[in-house]
Protein backbone atom coordinates (compact mmCIF):
# COMPACT_ATOMS: atom_id res chain seq x y z
CA MET A 1 167.74 -183.32 -65.57
CA HIS A 2 168.44 -185.40 -62.87
CA TYR A 3 167.11 -185.23 -59.65
CA GLY A 4 168.00 -186.31 -56.54
CA PRO A 5 165.96 -188.06 -53.64
CA LYS A 6 163.91 -185.74 -51.69
CA VAL A 7 162.85 -186.04 -48.10
CA VAL A 8 159.77 -187.50 -46.94
CA SER A 9 157.36 -184.91 -46.86
CA ASP A 10 154.69 -184.15 -43.41
CA SER A 11 157.31 -183.51 -40.13
CA LYS A 12 155.41 -181.97 -37.92
CA VAL A 13 158.27 -180.58 -36.36
CA LEU A 14 161.18 -179.00 -39.31
CA VAL A 15 163.96 -177.06 -38.01
CA ASP A 16 167.01 -176.91 -39.97
CA ALA A 17 169.89 -174.47 -39.90
CA LEU A 18 170.70 -174.55 -43.34
CA ASN A 19 167.05 -173.30 -44.55
CA SER A 20 166.67 -170.04 -44.89
CA LYS A 21 163.35 -169.69 -43.25
CA SER A 22 164.31 -171.63 -39.90
CA GLY A 23 168.60 -170.81 -39.83
CA SER A 24 169.95 -169.12 -37.37
CA ALA A 25 166.22 -168.51 -35.83
CA TRP A 26 165.86 -172.56 -36.12
CA THR A 27 162.13 -172.02 -36.78
CA ASP A 28 159.69 -174.15 -37.29
CA LEU A 29 158.40 -175.11 -40.63
CA GLY A 30 156.46 -177.74 -39.81
CA PRO A 31 152.27 -177.03 -40.46
CA SER A 32 151.77 -176.40 -36.66
CA SER A 33 154.80 -173.67 -36.39
CA PHE A 34 155.93 -175.05 -32.72
CA PRO A 35 157.79 -171.58 -31.32
CA THR A 36 160.98 -172.54 -30.83
CA THR A 37 164.03 -170.89 -28.58
CA LEU A 38 167.24 -170.73 -28.56
CA SER A 39 168.47 -170.02 -24.64
CA ASN A 40 172.51 -169.23 -23.90
CA SER A 41 173.26 -168.31 -27.56
CA PRO A 42 174.29 -171.78 -29.10
CA THR A 43 176.99 -170.91 -32.10
CA PHE A 44 175.05 -171.03 -35.34
CA SER A 45 177.19 -172.22 -38.61
CA SER A 46 176.58 -170.46 -42.23
CA ASP A 47 177.45 -173.97 -43.08
CA GLY A 48 173.83 -175.25 -41.83
CA TYR A 49 174.31 -176.32 -37.98
CA PHE A 50 174.79 -175.22 -34.67
CA SER A 51 177.31 -176.33 -31.97
CA PHE A 52 176.28 -176.91 -28.42
CA ASP A 53 179.20 -176.01 -25.47
CA GLY A 54 178.01 -178.82 -23.16
CA VAL A 55 177.91 -176.19 -20.65
CA ASN A 56 173.80 -174.62 -20.62
CA GLU A 57 172.89 -174.19 -24.10
CA LYS A 58 169.55 -176.05 -25.70
CA ALA A 59 166.42 -175.08 -27.81
CA THR A 60 163.15 -175.61 -26.73
CA ILE A 61 160.09 -176.37 -29.46
CA GLY A 62 157.03 -175.14 -27.65
CA ASN A 63 153.25 -175.64 -27.82
CA SER A 64 151.08 -173.77 -29.97
CA GLY A 65 148.15 -172.70 -28.46
CA ASN A 66 146.52 -175.59 -26.45
CA GLN A 67 147.81 -178.10 -29.08
CA PRO A 68 150.09 -180.48 -27.53
CA ALA A 69 153.43 -180.99 -28.85
CA TYR A 70 152.99 -184.16 -30.97
CA PRO A 71 153.28 -187.39 -29.69
CA ALA A 72 149.59 -186.90 -27.66
CA ASP A 73 149.40 -190.31 -26.99
CA TRP A 74 151.71 -192.75 -25.28
CA ASP A 75 151.22 -194.76 -28.17
CA ASP A 76 150.99 -192.70 -31.39
CA ASN A 77 153.16 -193.84 -33.31
CA PHE A 78 155.91 -191.36 -34.30
CA SER A 79 159.70 -190.77 -35.95
CA ILE A 80 162.38 -188.42 -34.21
CA GLU A 81 165.61 -188.02 -36.96
CA PHE A 82 168.41 -185.77 -36.77
CA TRP A 83 172.18 -185.25 -37.81
CA MET A 84 174.61 -184.75 -35.20
CA TYR A 85 178.72 -184.66 -34.80
CA VAL A 86 180.55 -185.30 -31.62
CA PRO A 87 183.79 -183.90 -32.48
CA ASP A 88 186.96 -185.53 -30.07
CA GLY A 89 187.47 -184.57 -26.58
CA ALA A 90 183.76 -183.39 -26.16
CA THR A 91 182.24 -184.52 -22.89
CA TRP A 92 179.75 -186.77 -23.63
CA THR A 93 179.51 -189.24 -20.19
CA ASN A 94 176.93 -188.78 -17.82
CA SER A 95 174.40 -190.67 -14.95
CA TYR A 96 171.55 -189.89 -16.63
CA VAL A 97 170.44 -190.80 -20.19
CA GLY A 98 170.87 -186.59 -21.45
CA SER A 99 168.21 -184.99 -23.88
CA LEU A 100 169.37 -185.00 -27.62
CA VAL A 101 165.90 -184.89 -28.18
CA GLN A 102 163.27 -185.93 -25.84
CA ARG A 103 159.74 -184.43 -24.27
CA GLY A 104 158.17 -185.48 -21.29
CA SER A 105 159.19 -186.13 -17.50
CA TYR A 106 159.27 -188.99 -15.08
CA GLY A 107 156.37 -190.45 -15.46
CA GLY A 108 156.16 -190.93 -19.27
CA SER A 109 158.90 -189.86 -22.08
CA HIS A 110 159.47 -190.27 -25.60
CA GLY A 111 162.90 -189.19 -27.54
CA ILE A 112 166.61 -189.89 -28.46
CA GLY A 113 169.37 -189.28 -26.09
CA ARG A 114 173.48 -189.98 -24.81
CA ASN A 115 173.39 -193.35 -22.88
CA PRO A 116 175.84 -193.44 -19.59
CA THR A 117 177.88 -195.31 -22.13
CA ASP A 118 180.13 -192.86 -24.56
CA ASN A 119 179.39 -192.25 -27.84
CA ARG A 120 176.20 -195.06 -26.86
CA ILE A 121 172.52 -193.18 -28.49
CA GLN A 122 169.69 -194.07 -26.84
CA PHE A 123 165.85 -193.99 -28.41
CA ARG A 124 163.74 -194.79 -26.03
CA CYS A 125 159.73 -194.52 -24.98
CA ARG A 126 158.61 -194.82 -21.14
CA ALA A 127 155.23 -194.51 -19.75
CA ASN A 128 154.07 -195.21 -15.66
CA GLY A 129 157.24 -196.54 -15.34
CA THR A 130 157.54 -199.08 -18.15
CA THR A 131 160.30 -198.52 -20.13
CA LYS A 132 161.28 -199.15 -24.17
CA SER A 133 164.28 -198.62 -25.34
CA ARG A 134 166.87 -199.24 -28.08
CA THR A 135 170.50 -198.59 -28.42
CA LEU A 136 173.43 -197.70 -30.94
CA ASP A 137 177.12 -197.05 -31.01
CA ILE A 138 179.03 -194.03 -32.66
CA THR A 139 182.10 -192.34 -33.15
CA ARG A 140 183.71 -189.07 -32.64
CA ASP A 141 184.35 -186.19 -35.38
CA ALA A 142 181.70 -187.75 -37.76
CA TRP A 143 178.50 -186.82 -39.17
CA TYR A 144 175.74 -189.45 -38.09
CA HIS A 145 172.14 -188.81 -39.02
CA ILE A 146 169.77 -190.78 -36.85
CA VAL A 147 166.41 -191.95 -36.91
CA GLY A 148 164.19 -193.55 -33.98
CA THR A 149 160.77 -194.32 -34.99
CA TRP A 150 157.77 -195.95 -32.68
CA GLU A 151 154.97 -198.12 -34.38
CA ASP A 152 152.91 -198.90 -31.04
CA ASP A 153 152.26 -203.01 -30.47
CA VAL A 154 155.05 -203.23 -33.93
CA SER A 155 158.57 -201.81 -34.27
CA MET A 156 160.90 -199.62 -31.77
CA ALA A 157 163.56 -199.27 -34.41
CA LEU A 158 166.91 -196.88 -34.32
CA TYR A 159 168.97 -196.32 -37.22
CA SER A 160 172.02 -194.38 -38.09
CA ASN A 161 172.82 -193.87 -41.27
CA GLY A 162 170.32 -194.98 -43.37
CA ILE A 163 171.14 -198.96 -41.74
CA LEU A 164 169.16 -200.30 -39.09
CA GLY A 165 170.82 -200.30 -35.25
CA SER A 166 168.58 -202.04 -33.65
CA SER A 167 164.76 -203.15 -33.32
CA TYR A 168 162.02 -205.48 -31.65
CA ASP A 169 158.49 -205.60 -31.12
CA PRO A 170 157.46 -203.54 -27.98
CA GLY A 171 154.04 -204.32 -27.03
CA SER A 172 152.13 -201.43 -26.91
CA LEU A 173 151.48 -198.84 -24.51
CA LEU A 174 148.11 -197.83 -25.26
CA SER A 175 147.52 -198.74 -21.82
CA LEU A 176 149.37 -195.87 -20.16
CA GLY A 177 147.35 -193.27 -20.82
CA THR A 178 147.42 -189.04 -21.57
CA PRO A 179 150.08 -187.13 -20.96
CA ASP A 180 148.65 -184.46 -18.11
CA THR A 181 150.61 -181.58 -19.55
CA PRO A 182 151.87 -180.98 -23.16
CA TYR A 183 155.79 -181.06 -22.36
CA ASN A 184 157.42 -179.17 -25.02
CA TRP A 185 160.30 -180.70 -27.03
CA TYR A 186 164.53 -180.23 -25.38
CA ILE A 187 166.72 -180.13 -27.63
CA ALA A 188 171.04 -180.93 -26.30
CA SER A 189 169.08 -180.08 -22.96
CA ASN A 190 170.50 -181.45 -19.62
CA LEU A 191 166.71 -182.84 -18.85
CA ALA A 192 166.93 -186.58 -18.57
CA PHE A 193 164.71 -189.56 -18.77
CA SER A 194 164.64 -190.16 -15.37
CA GLY A 195 163.34 -186.61 -14.39
CA SER A 196 166.72 -185.99 -13.17
CA GLN A 197 168.65 -183.26 -14.53
CA GLY A 198 172.11 -184.70 -16.97
CA THR A 199 174.72 -183.03 -18.38
CA TYR A 200 173.68 -180.77 -21.68
CA TYR A 201 175.35 -181.81 -25.00
CA GLU A 202 178.32 -181.37 -26.90
CA GLY A 203 178.02 -181.16 -30.45
CA ARG A 204 176.77 -180.47 -33.57
CA LEU A 205 173.24 -180.05 -34.38
CA ALA A 206 172.05 -179.42 -37.85
CA MET A 207 168.37 -180.28 -38.26
CA VAL A 208 165.31 -181.77 -36.25
CA ARG A 209 162.91 -183.17 -37.84
CA ILE A 210 159.16 -185.22 -36.18
CA TYR A 211 156.84 -187.09 -37.98
CA HIS A 212 153.63 -188.13 -37.37
CA LYS A 213 153.69 -191.73 -38.25
CA ALA A 214 156.66 -194.16 -38.24
CA LEU A 215 158.82 -193.76 -41.14
CA THR A 216 159.32 -197.12 -42.78
CA ALA A 217 163.35 -198.23 -43.55
CA ALA A 218 162.82 -197.39 -47.37
CA GLU A 219 162.16 -193.87 -46.40
CA VAL A 220 164.69 -193.85 -43.52
CA LEU A 221 166.71 -194.39 -46.47
CA GLN A 222 165.74 -191.83 -48.70
CA ASN A 223 166.04 -189.45 -46.17
CA PHE A 224 169.64 -190.18 -45.08
CA ASN A 225 170.23 -190.53 -48.96
CA ALA A 226 167.87 -186.97 -49.36
CA THR A 227 170.34 -185.04 -46.91
CA ARG A 228 173.30 -186.88 -46.80
CA GLY A 229 176.10 -184.99 -49.93
CA ARG A 230 175.65 -182.07 -47.38
CA PHE A 231 177.31 -183.57 -44.62
CA GLY A 232 180.17 -185.23 -46.76
CA VAL A 233 178.54 -188.55 -45.57
């Protein structure tokens, strides 16, 4: 019997529209079971994804008790992973870096968003006026596996479909402190990294994972290969 690659375990947050335990509620199946809220009824597909209308639909992964949504400190190592699809004709252009998966505010934020340049993804970490970022480009009418990894003072990397698109040593955010508030994670929202409001995301999202570590290049490729068949990639 042949077994394909398995997804790297131990994600801190996991919402997956194809998993029956997560499904149309996008329930967090991670160890902390952070409360998840869908706003304004994004459209659920039994094929295992949500369609967001770009008008007012979003998802929020909140906090559990007094435990902050990870990362707790701006220098904590982490990874963000998701599958996305932007249809031809969907609105992309925005004046700011609009959220795909992001948490924080003007003073400090982590996440991956839509660069003002059409079809450009930006992975960004900002703390007290210091911003680190990487970008890559996608095309329309295609599924993409996007992963951003942060290892403080070692590497900031952004991957597309298992392939490294951009990386560098960003230095450290260690001296820039701890978030004042246990911020929620926002998915497809109009929250922007600048603290201003951008535009909502118009397109599909199938799953989101957030890890307590920086995934290696081999682990990113492993996760891509473990899930790509579902998206015909």
